[in-house]
Amino acid sequence: AGYYRRFVEGFSHLALPLTKLMRKGETFVWNEEREKSFEELKQRLVSAPVLTLPSGSGGF
């Protein structure tokens, strides 16, 4: 997830419920807050701009 955080504004805030879930000793409980966090991150990742290298055939 570290790679994608730079492409999603507010990533750490959005992912906080999921990050807390992965802490050592935390009981795995999937709730509405975590579902909303997961769905919002998914949506932002698929709608984020796609970054590619220039092809060299066009201008910069």
PDB file of N, CA and C in Angstrom:
ATOM      1  N   ALA A   1       0.813  -1.192   0.000  1.00  0.00           N
ATOM      2  CA  ALA A   1       0.000   0.000   0.000  1.00  0.00           C
ATOM      3  C   ALA A   1       0.854   1.251   0.000  1.00  0.00           C
ATOM      4  N   GLY A   2       2.093   1.147   0.442  1.00  0.00           N
ATOM      5  CA  GLY A   2       2.955   2.315   0.504  1.00  0.00           C
ATOM      6  C   GLY A   2       3.166   2.978  -0.844  1.00  0.00           C
ATOM      7  N   TYR A   3       3.237   2.181  -1.903  1.00  0.00           N
ATOM      8  CA  TYR A   3       3.445   2.729  -3.244  1.00  0.00           C
ATOM      9  C   TYR A   3       2.260   3.583  -3.671  1.00  0.00           C
ATOM     10  N   TYR A   4       1.061   3.150  -3.396  1.00  0.00           N
ATOM     11  CA  TYR A   4      -0.145   3.825  -3.874  1.00  0.00           C
ATOM     12  C   TYR A   4      -0.517   5.064  -3.069  1.00  0.00           C
ATOM     13  N   ARG A   5       0.015   5.201  -1.874  1.00  0.00           N
ATOM     14  CA  ARG A   5      -0.378   6.330  -1.024  1.00  0.00           C
ATOM     15  C   ARG A   5      -0.070   7.670  -1.661  1.00  0.00           C
ATOM     16  N   ARG A   6       0.942   7.740  -2.518  1.00  0.00           N
ATOM     17  CA  ARG A   6       1.267   9.033  -3.135  1.00  0.00           C
ATOM     18  C   ARG A   6       0.300   9.417  -4.246  1.00  0.00           C
ATOM     19  N   PHE A   7      -0.517   8.485  -4.697  1.00  0.00           N
ATOM     20  CA  PHE A   7      -1.476   8.771  -5.764  1.00  0.00           C
ATOM     21  C   PHE A   7      -2.892   9.027  -5.248  1.00  0.00           C
ATOM     22  N   VAL A   8      -3.127   8.811  -3.963  1.00  0.00           N
ATOM     23  CA  VAL A   8      -4.462   8.991  -3.382  1.00  0.00           C
ATOM     24  C   VAL A   8      -4.368  10.034  -2.274  1.00  0.00           C
ATOM     25  N   GLU A   9      -4.992  11.173  -2.501  1.00  0.00           N
ATOM     26  CA  GLU A   9      -4.971  12.236  -1.498  1.00  0.00           C
ATOM     27  C   GLU A   9      -5.701  11.765  -0.235  1.00  0.00           C
ATOM     28  N   GLY A  10      -5.070  11.968   0.898  1.00  0.00           N
ATOM     29  CA  GLY A  10      -5.670  11.568   2.169  1.00  0.00           C
ATOM     30  C   GLY A  10      -5.632  10.067   2.410  1.00  0.00           C
ATOM     31  N   PHE A  11      -4.700   9.374   1.765  1.00  0.00           N
ATOM     32  CA  PHE A  11      -4.625   7.915   1.865  1.00  0.00           C
ATOM     33  C   PHE A  11      -4.534   7.439   3.312  1.00  0.00           C
ATOM     34  N   SER A  12      -3.640   8.049   4.090  1.00  0.00           N
ATOM     35  CA  SER A  12      -3.442   7.569   5.464  1.00  0.00           C
ATOM     36  C   SER A  12      -4.708   7.723   6.304  1.00  0.00           C
ATOM     37  N   HIS A  13      -5.439   8.808   6.087  1.00  0.00           N
ATOM     38  CA  HIS A  13      -6.696   9.016   6.818  1.00  0.00           C
ATOM     39  C   HIS A  13      -7.741   7.985   6.389  1.00  0.00           C
ATOM     40  N   LEU A  14      -7.826   7.745   5.087  1.00  0.00           N
ATOM     41  CA  LEU A  14      -8.806   6.776   4.583  1.00  0.00           C
ATOM     42  C   LEU A  14      -8.480   5.351   5.023  1.00  0.00           C
ATOM     43  N   ALA A  15      -7.201   5.037   5.084  1.00  0.00           N
ATOM     44  CA  ALA A  15      -6.780   3.672   5.401  1.00  0.00           C
ATOM     45  C   ALA A  15      -6.680   3.398   6.897  1.00  0.00           C
ATOM     46  N   LEU A  16      -6.869   4.404   7.730  1.00  0.00           N
ATOM     47  CA  LEU A  16      -6.690   4.236   9.175  1.00  0.00           C
ATOM     48  C   LEU A  16      -7.500   3.080   9.772  1.00  0.00           C
ATOM     49  N   PRO A  17      -8.786   2.933   9.452  1.00  0.00           N
ATOM     50  CA  PRO A  17      -9.522   1.793  10.017  1.00  0.00           C
ATOM     51  C   PRO A  17      -8.922   0.439   9.614  1.00  0.00           C
ATOM     52  N   LEU A  18      -8.380   0.357   8.417  1.00  0.00           N
ATOM     53  CA  LEU A  18      -7.771  -0.894   7.963  1.00  0.00           C
ATOM     54  C   LEU A  18      -6.402  -1.092   8.606  1.00  0.00           C
ATOM     55  N   THR A  19      -5.676  -0.003   8.793  1.00  0.00           N
ATOM     56  CA  THR A  19      -4.369  -0.075   9.445  1.00  0.00           C
ATOM     57  C   THR A  19      -4.519  -0.542  10.889  1.00  0.00           C
ATOM     58  N   LYS A  20      -5.512  -0.014  11.587  1.00  0.00           N
ATOM     59  CA  LYS A  20      -5.762  -0.431  12.972  1.00  0.00           C
ATOM     60  C   LYS A  20      -6.099  -1.916  13.044  1.00  0.00           C
ATOM     61  N   LEU A  21      -6.775  -2.410  12.043  1.00  0.00           N
ATOM     62  CA  LEU A  21      -7.172  -3.816  12.003  1.00  0.00           C
ATOM     63  C   LEU A  21      -5.959  -4.742  11.954  1.00  0.00           C
ATOM     64  N   MET A  22      -4.856  -4.262  11.375  1.00  0.00           N
ATOM     65  CA  MET A  22      -3.680  -5.103  11.184  1.00  0.00           C
ATOM     66  C   MET A  22      -2.686  -5.037  12.345  1.00  0.00           C
ATOM     67  N   ARG A  23      -3.008  -4.298  13.385  1.00  0.00           N
ATOM     68  CA  ARG A  23      -2.103  -4.201  14.530  1.00  0.00           C
ATOM     69  C   ARG A  23      -1.994  -5.538  15.253  1.00  0.00           C
ATOM     70  N   LYS A  24      -0.825  -5.765  15.823  1.00  0.00           N
ATOM     71  CA  LYS A  24      -0.584  -6.988  16.577  1.00  0.00           C
ATOM     72  C   LYS A  24      -1.537  -7.050  17.764  1.00  0.00           C
ATOM     73  N   GLY A  25      -2.177  -8.178  17.941  1.00  0.00           N
ATOM     74  CA  GLY A  25      -3.091  -8.379  19.055  1.00  0.00           C
ATOM     75  C   GLY A  25      -4.508  -7.903  18.799  1.00  0.00           C
ATOM     76  N   GLU A  26      -4.735  -7.244  17.665  1.00  0.00           N
ATOM     77  CA  GLU A  26      -6.075  -6.735  17.337  1.00  0.00           C
ATOM     78  C   GLU A  26      -6.949  -7.890  16.841  1.00  0.00           C
ATOM     79  N   THR A  27      -8.132  -8.013  17.388  1.00  0.00           N
ATOM     80  CA  THR A  27      -9.078  -9.027  16.935  1.00  0.00           C
ATOM     81  C   THR A  27      -9.652  -8.596  15.594  1.00  0.00           C
ATOM     82  N   PHE A  28      -9.690  -9.528  14.645  1.00  0.00           N
ATOM     83  CA  PHE A  28     -10.190  -9.204  13.311  1.00  0.00           C
ATOM     84  C   PHE A  28     -11.713  -9.111  13.357  1.00  0.00           C
ATOM     85  N   VAL A  29     -12.195  -7.878  13.272  1.00  0.00           N
ATOM     86  CA  VAL A  29     -13.635  -7.622  13.231  1.00  0.00           C
ATOM     87  C   VAL A  29     -13.888  -6.698  12.056  1.00  0.00           C
ATOM     88  N   TRP A  30     -14.610  -7.205  11.057  1.00  0.00           N
ATOM     89  CA  TRP A  30     -14.938  -6.399   9.879  1.00  0.00           C
ATOM     90  C   TRP A  30     -16.254  -5.690  10.154  1.00  0.00           C
ATOM     91  N   ASN A  31     -16.220  -4.372  10.207  1.00  0.00           N
ATOM     92  CA  ASN A  31     -17.425  -3.619  10.519  1.00  0.00           C
ATOM     93  C   ASN A  31     -17.735  -2.623   9.399  1.00  0.00           C
ATOM     94  N   GLU A  32     -18.773  -1.833   9.594  1.00  0.00           N
ATOM     95  CA  GLU A  32     -19.219  -0.886   8.565  1.00  0.00           C
ATOM     96  C   GLU A  32     -18.153   0.174   8.267  1.00  0.00           C
ATOM     97  N   GLU A  33     -17.474   0.646   9.306  1.00  0.00           N
ATOM     98  CA  GLU A  33     -16.428   1.659   9.118  1.00  0.00           C
ATOM     99  C   GLU A  33     -15.304   1.128   8.230  1.00  0.00           C
ATOM    100  N   ARG A  34     -14.896  -0.108   8.453  1.00  0.00           N
ATOM    101  CA  ARG A  34     -13.816  -0.706   7.658  1.00  0.00           C
ATOM    102  C   ARG A  34     -14.276  -1.006   6.240  1.00  0.00           C
ATOM    103  N   GLU A  35     -15.515  -1.390   6.097  1.00  0.00           N
ATOM    104  CA  GLU A  35     -16.066  -1.631   4.760  1.00  0.00           C
ATOM    105  C   GLU A  35     -16.083  -0.330   3.957  1.00  0.00           C
ATOM    106  N   LYS A  36     -16.523   0.763   4.584  1.00  0.00           N
ATOM    107  CA  LYS A  36     -16.550   2.067   3.905  1.00  0.00           C
ATOM    108  C   LYS A  36     -15.142   2.501   3.512  1.00  0.00           C
ATOM    109  N   SER A  37     -14.194   2.307   4.407  1.00  0.00           N
ATOM    110  CA  SER A  37     -12.805   2.661   4.136  1.00  0.00           C
ATOM    111  C   SER A  37     -12.274   1.869   2.946  1.00  0.00           C
ATOM    112  N   PHE A  38     -12.516   0.573   2.946  1.00  0.00           N
ATOM    113  CA  PHE A  38     -12.061  -0.302   1.872  1.00  0.00           C
ATOM    114  C   PHE A  38     -12.673   0.096   0.534  1.00  0.00           C
ATOM    115  N   GLU A  39     -13.970   0.327   0.515  1.00  0.00           N
ATOM    116  CA  GLU A  39     -14.654   0.689  -0.730  1.00  0.00           C
ATOM    117  C   GLU A  39     -14.188   2.051  -1.252  1.00  0.00           C
ATOM    118  N   GLU A  40     -13.973   3.011  -0.359  1.00  0.00           N
ATOM    119  CA  GLU A  40     -13.509   4.339  -0.777  1.00  0.00           C
ATOM    120  C   GLU A  40     -12.097   4.267  -1.352  1.00  0.00           C
ATOM    121  N   LEU A  41     -11.222   3.506  -0.713  1.00  0.00           N
ATOM    122  CA  LEU A  41      -9.868   3.349  -1.245  1.00  0.00           C
ATOM    123  C   LEU A  41      -9.887   2.660  -2.604  1.00  0.00           C
ATOM    124  N   LYS A  42     -10.700   1.639  -2.735  1.00  0.00           N
ATOM    125  CA  LYS A  42     -10.826   0.952  -4.030  1.00  0.00           C
ATOM    126  C   LYS A  42     -11.261   1.922  -5.113  1.00  0.00           C
ATOM    127  N   GLN A  43     -12.275   2.719  -4.815  1.00  0.00           N
ATOM    128  CA  GLN A  43     -12.804   3.669  -5.793  1.00  0.00           C
ATOM    129  C   GLN A  43     -11.749   4.696  -6.190  1.00  0.00           C
ATOM    130  N   ARG A  44     -11.035   5.197  -5.214  1.00  0.00           N
ATOM    131  CA  ARG A  44     -10.014   6.209  -5.518  1.00  0.00           C
ATOM    132  C   ARG A  44      -8.840   5.619  -6.291  1.00  0.00           C
ATOM    133  N   LEU A  45      -8.504   4.375  -6.039  1.00  0.00           N
ATOM    134  CA  LEU A  45      -7.400   3.753  -6.773  1.00  0.00           C
ATOM    135  C   LEU A  45      -7.755   3.506  -8.231  1.00  0.00           C
ATOM    136  N   VAL A  46      -8.976   3.121  -8.500  1.00  0.00           N
ATOM    137  CA  VAL A  46      -9.345   2.860  -9.897  1.00  0.00           C
ATOM    138  C   VAL A  46      -9.644   4.139 -10.656  1.00  0.00           C
ATOM    139  N   SER A  47      -9.872   5.252  -9.957  1.00  0.00           N
ATOM    140  CA  SER A  47     -10.160   6.500 -10.650  1.00  0.00           C
ATOM    141  C   SER A  47      -8.976   7.469 -10.612  1.00  0.00           C
ATOM    142  N   ALA A  48      -7.890   7.084  -9.968  1.00  0.00           N
ATOM    143  CA  ALA A  48      -6.710   7.942  -9.904  1.00  0.00           C
ATOM    144  C   ALA A  48      -6.057   8.029 -11.282  1.00  0.00           C
ATOM    145  N   PRO A  49      -5.361   9.127 -11.551  1.00  0.00           N
ATOM    146  CA  PRO A  49      -4.692   9.252 -12.846  1.00  0.00           C
ATOM    147  C   PRO A  49      -3.673   8.136 -13.046  1.00  0.00           C
ATOM    148  N   VAL A  50      -3.573   7.672 -14.261  1.00  0.00           N
ATOM    149  CA  VAL A  50      -2.604   6.631 -14.598  1.00  0.00           C
ATOM    150  C   VAL A  50      -1.325   7.315 -15.056  1.00  0.00           C
ATOM    151  N   LEU A  51      -0.225   6.996 -14.415  1.00  0.00           N
ATOM    152  CA  LEU A  51       1.053   7.597 -14.757  1.00  0.00           C
ATOM    153  C   LEU A  51       1.836   6.652 -15.657  1.00  0.00           C
ATOM    154  N   THR A  52       2.326   7.173 -16.768  1.00  0.00           N
ATOM    155  CA  THR A  52       3.116   6.360 -17.690  1.00  0.00           C
ATOM    156  C   THR A  52       4.350   7.134 -18.111  1.00  0.00           C
ATOM    157  N   LEU A  53       5.319   6.410 -18.617  1.00  0.00           N
ATOM    158  CA  LEU A  53       6.517   7.041 -19.149  1.00  0.00           C
ATOM    159  C   LEU A  53       6.211   7.610 -20.525  1.00  0.00           C
ATOM    160  N   PRO A  54       6.851   8.710 -20.908  1.00  0.00           N
ATOM    161  CA  PRO A  54       6.629   9.258 -22.249  1.00  0.00           C
ATOM    162  C   PRO A  54       7.118   8.275 -23.307  1.00  0.00           C
ATOM    163  N   SER A  55       6.422   8.234 -24.435  1.00  0.00           N
ATOM    164  CA  SER A  55       6.783   7.297 -25.502  1.00  0.00           C
ATOM    165  C   SER A  55       7.978   7.779 -26.314  1.00  0.00           C
ATOM    166  N   GLY A  56       8.255   9.058 -26.274  1.00  0.00           N
ATOM    167  CA  GLY A  56       9.372   9.586 -27.046  1.00  0.00           C
ATOM    168  C   GLY A  56       8.959  10.085 -28.417  1.00  0.00           C
ATOM    169  N   SER A  57       7.752   9.731 -28.867  1.00  0.00           N
ATOM    170  CA  SER A  57       7.301  10.147 -30.194  1.00  0.00           C
ATOM    171  C   SER A  57       6.595  11.500 -30.162  1.00  0.00           C
ATOM    172  N   GLY A  58       6.249  11.975 -28.993  1.00  0.00           N
ATOM    173  CA  GLY A  58       5.544  13.256 -28.873  1.00  0.00           C
ATOM    174  C   GLY A  58       6.332  14.230 -28.023  1.00  0.00           C
ATOM    175  N   GLY A  59       5.811  15.408 -27.867  1.00  0.00           N
ATOM    176  CA  GLY A  59       6.462  16.409 -27.030  1.00  0.00           C
ATOM    177  C   GLY A  59       6.211  16.148 -25.559  1.00  0.00           C
ATOM    178  N   PHE A  60       6.942  16.861 -24.760  1.00  0.00           N
ATOM    179  CA  PHE A  60       6.788  16.687 -23.320  1.00  0.00           C
ATOM    180  C   PHE A  60       5.916  17.755 -22.803  1.00  0.00           C
TER     181      PHE A  60
END
